[in-house]
Amino acid sequence: MNLKKVTAPAHKAINRRNNRKGVLTIVKKQGSSHCIIFSVQLAEELDLEDRVVVGFDKEDEKIFLAKKLPGITHDGYELKCRMSKGKCIKKVIYSASLVREIIETLHLDFSKKTSVTLYDLELDDEAGYKIAGIGR
């Protein structure tokens, strides 16, 4: 093997990851389940077990997650566990209609990708329980 003629490709690898941990990932796959994924740590921080209430601030383009939210009376979405080695590593909501509403509210672009991860997190506990506000 002659390695003297080997050159690097003209195209450089692009590192799209950063050192921040994502708060919420929205997945929209063609012909597959659309889902919202968030960490077990966030679920624990919000004291969530098997359901989460979701709300929107469409003007400020934010999603809110909590056990309950002021002014919202529905009982929320079921949380599933994504398991690895017998341990729950992520919490998942499977809902195509909720994914569509999040995409519309946050004006997310899925034209060239199947998932978008959000990093902007604010926690509030003024209501007597923790509420997560998540934006782009």
Protein backbone atom coordinates (compact mmCIF):
# COMPACT_ATOMS: atom_id res chain seq x y z
CA MET A 1 0.00 0.00 0.00
CA ASN A 2 1.50 3.34 -1.08
CA LEU A 3 0.32 6.15 1.22
CA LYS A 4 2.59 8.85 -0.25
CA LYS A 5 -0.11 9.96 -2.72
CA VAL A 6 -2.97 10.13 -0.20
CA THR A 7 -4.52 13.60 0.19
CA ALA A 8 -7.25 15.00 2.39
CA PRO A 9 -10.70 15.56 0.90
CA ALA A 10 -11.58 19.11 -0.17
CA HIS A 11 -14.75 18.94 1.91
CA LYS A 12 -14.13 19.44 5.62
CA ALA A 13 -16.26 17.69 8.21
CA ILE A 14 -18.70 20.02 9.89
CA ASN A 15 -19.17 19.51 13.60
CA ARG A 16 -22.79 20.43 14.16
CA ARG A 17 -22.71 19.47 17.79
CA ASN A 18 -21.91 21.90 20.48
CA ASN A 19 -21.05 21.34 24.10
CA ARG A 20 -24.53 22.21 25.34
CA LYS A 21 -26.98 19.47 26.21
CA GLY A 22 -30.22 19.57 24.32
CA VAL A 23 -33.40 20.09 26.31
CA LEU A 24 -35.98 18.80 23.86
CA THR A 25 -35.75 17.07 20.49
CA ILE A 26 -38.58 17.09 17.99
CA VAL A 27 -38.50 14.19 15.52
CA LYS A 28 -40.45 14.23 12.27
CA LYS A 29 -39.73 11.22 10.06
CA GLN A 30 -41.51 10.53 6.81
CA GLY A 31 -43.82 7.55 7.27
CA SER A 32 -42.78 7.03 10.88
CA SER A 33 -43.91 8.07 14.31
CA HIS A 34 -43.41 11.73 15.08
CA CYS A 35 -42.28 12.28 18.63
CA ILE A 36 -40.89 14.68 21.22
CA ILE A 37 -37.93 13.44 23.26
CA PHE A 38 -36.58 14.90 26.46
CA SER A 39 -34.19 13.77 29.12
CA VAL A 40 -35.08 11.80 32.20
CA GLN A 41 -33.29 14.56 34.14
CA LEU A 42 -35.79 17.16 32.88
CA ALA A 43 -38.68 14.82 33.74
CA GLU A 44 -37.26 14.40 37.23
CA GLU A 45 -36.71 18.16 37.59
CA LEU A 46 -40.40 18.69 36.72
CA ASP A 47 -41.47 15.74 38.92
CA LEU A 48 -43.13 14.02 35.94
CA GLU A 49 -44.00 10.36 36.05
CA ASP A 50 -46.27 9.13 33.28
CA ARG A 51 -47.94 12.30 31.91
CA VAL A 52 -46.95 15.84 30.95
CA VAL A 53 -49.07 18.90 30.23
CA VAL A 54 -47.91 20.95 27.25
CA GLY A 55 -48.70 24.61 26.59
CA PHE A 56 -47.62 27.25 24.10
CA ASP A 57 -46.80 30.94 24.02
CA LYS A 58 -47.12 31.49 20.28
CA GLU A 59 -46.12 35.15 20.49
CA ASP A 60 -42.79 34.43 22.22
CA GLU A 61 -42.40 31.08 20.40
CA LYS A 62 -42.07 28.92 23.51
CA ILE A 63 -43.27 25.53 24.66
CA PHE A 64 -44.13 24.89 28.30
CA LEU A 65 -43.97 21.52 30.05
CA ALA A 66 -45.19 20.72 33.57
CA LYS A 67 -47.36 18.46 35.70
CA LYS A 68 -50.03 21.11 35.28
CA LEU A 69 -50.20 24.56 33.72
CA PRO A 70 -52.37 27.53 34.72
CA GLY A 71 -55.41 27.80 32.49
CA ILE A 72 -54.97 24.40 30.82
CA THR A 73 -57.48 21.77 31.85
CA HIS A 74 -56.58 18.71 29.76
CA ASP A 75 -54.73 15.92 31.52
CA GLY A 76 -51.71 15.99 29.23
CA TYR A 77 -49.82 13.51 27.11
CA GLU A 78 -48.63 10.06 28.03
CA LEU A 79 -44.88 9.74 28.58
CA LYS A 80 -43.12 6.61 27.38
CA CYS A 81 -39.64 5.54 28.39
CA ARG A 82 -36.91 4.92 25.85
CA MET A 83 -34.97 2.11 27.44
CA SER A 84 -31.30 1.20 27.27
CA LYS A 85 -29.80 -1.67 29.26
CA GLY A 86 -32.95 -1.94 31.35
CA LYS A 87 -32.92 1.74 32.32
CA CYS A 88 -35.13 4.62 31.17
CA ILE A 89 -32.77 7.07 29.43
CA LYS A 90 -35.25 9.39 27.67
CA LYS A 91 -38.90 10.34 28.01
CA VAL A 92 -40.92 10.34 24.78
CA ILE A 93 -44.29 11.72 23.70
CA TYR A 94 -45.67 10.10 20.54
CA SER A 95 -48.09 12.53 18.91
CA ALA A 96 -48.00 13.62 15.27
CA SER A 97 -50.48 16.45 15.91
CA LEU A 98 -48.41 17.81 18.82
CA VAL A 99 -45.24 17.64 16.71
CA ARG A 100 -47.00 19.62 13.94
CA GLU A 101 -48.15 22.27 16.42
CA ILE A 102 -44.65 22.62 17.89
CA ILE A 103 -43.19 22.98 14.39
CA GLU A 104 -45.74 25.68 13.55
CA THR A 105 -45.37 27.52 16.87
CA LEU A 106 -41.57 27.61 16.81
CA HIS A 107 -41.30 27.97 13.01
CA LEU A 108 -38.95 24.98 12.79
CA ASP A 109 -37.50 23.96 9.43
CA PHE A 110 -37.48 20.23 8.68
CA SER A 111 -36.80 20.55 4.96
CA LYS A 112 -33.34 18.94 5.18
CA LYS A 113 -33.47 17.06 8.50
CA THR A 114 -35.59 14.71 10.55
CA SER A 115 -34.95 16.17 14.00
CA VAL A 116 -34.42 19.52 15.68
CA THR A 117 -32.96 19.89 19.17
CA LEU A 118 -33.85 22.87 21.35
CA TYR A 119 -31.40 24.24 23.90
CA ASP A 120 -33.10 27.28 25.47
CA LEU A 121 -34.53 26.30 28.88
CA GLU A 122 -36.04 28.42 31.64
CA LEU A 123 -37.37 26.84 34.84
CA ASP A 124 -39.97 28.55 37.00
CA ASP A 125 -41.61 27.44 40.24
CA GLU A 126 -43.74 30.44 41.13
CA ALA A 127 -46.93 28.39 40.71
CA GLY A 128 -45.81 26.02 43.49
CA TYR A 129 -44.50 23.43 41.04
CA LYS A 130 -41.82 23.53 38.35
CA ILE A 131 -42.60 24.64 34.82
CA ALA A 132 -40.12 24.38 31.94
CA GLY A 133 -40.21 27.07 29.27
CA ILE A 134 -38.37 25.94 26.13
CA GLY A 135 -37.54 28.00 23.06
CA ARG A 136 -35.29 27.96 20.05
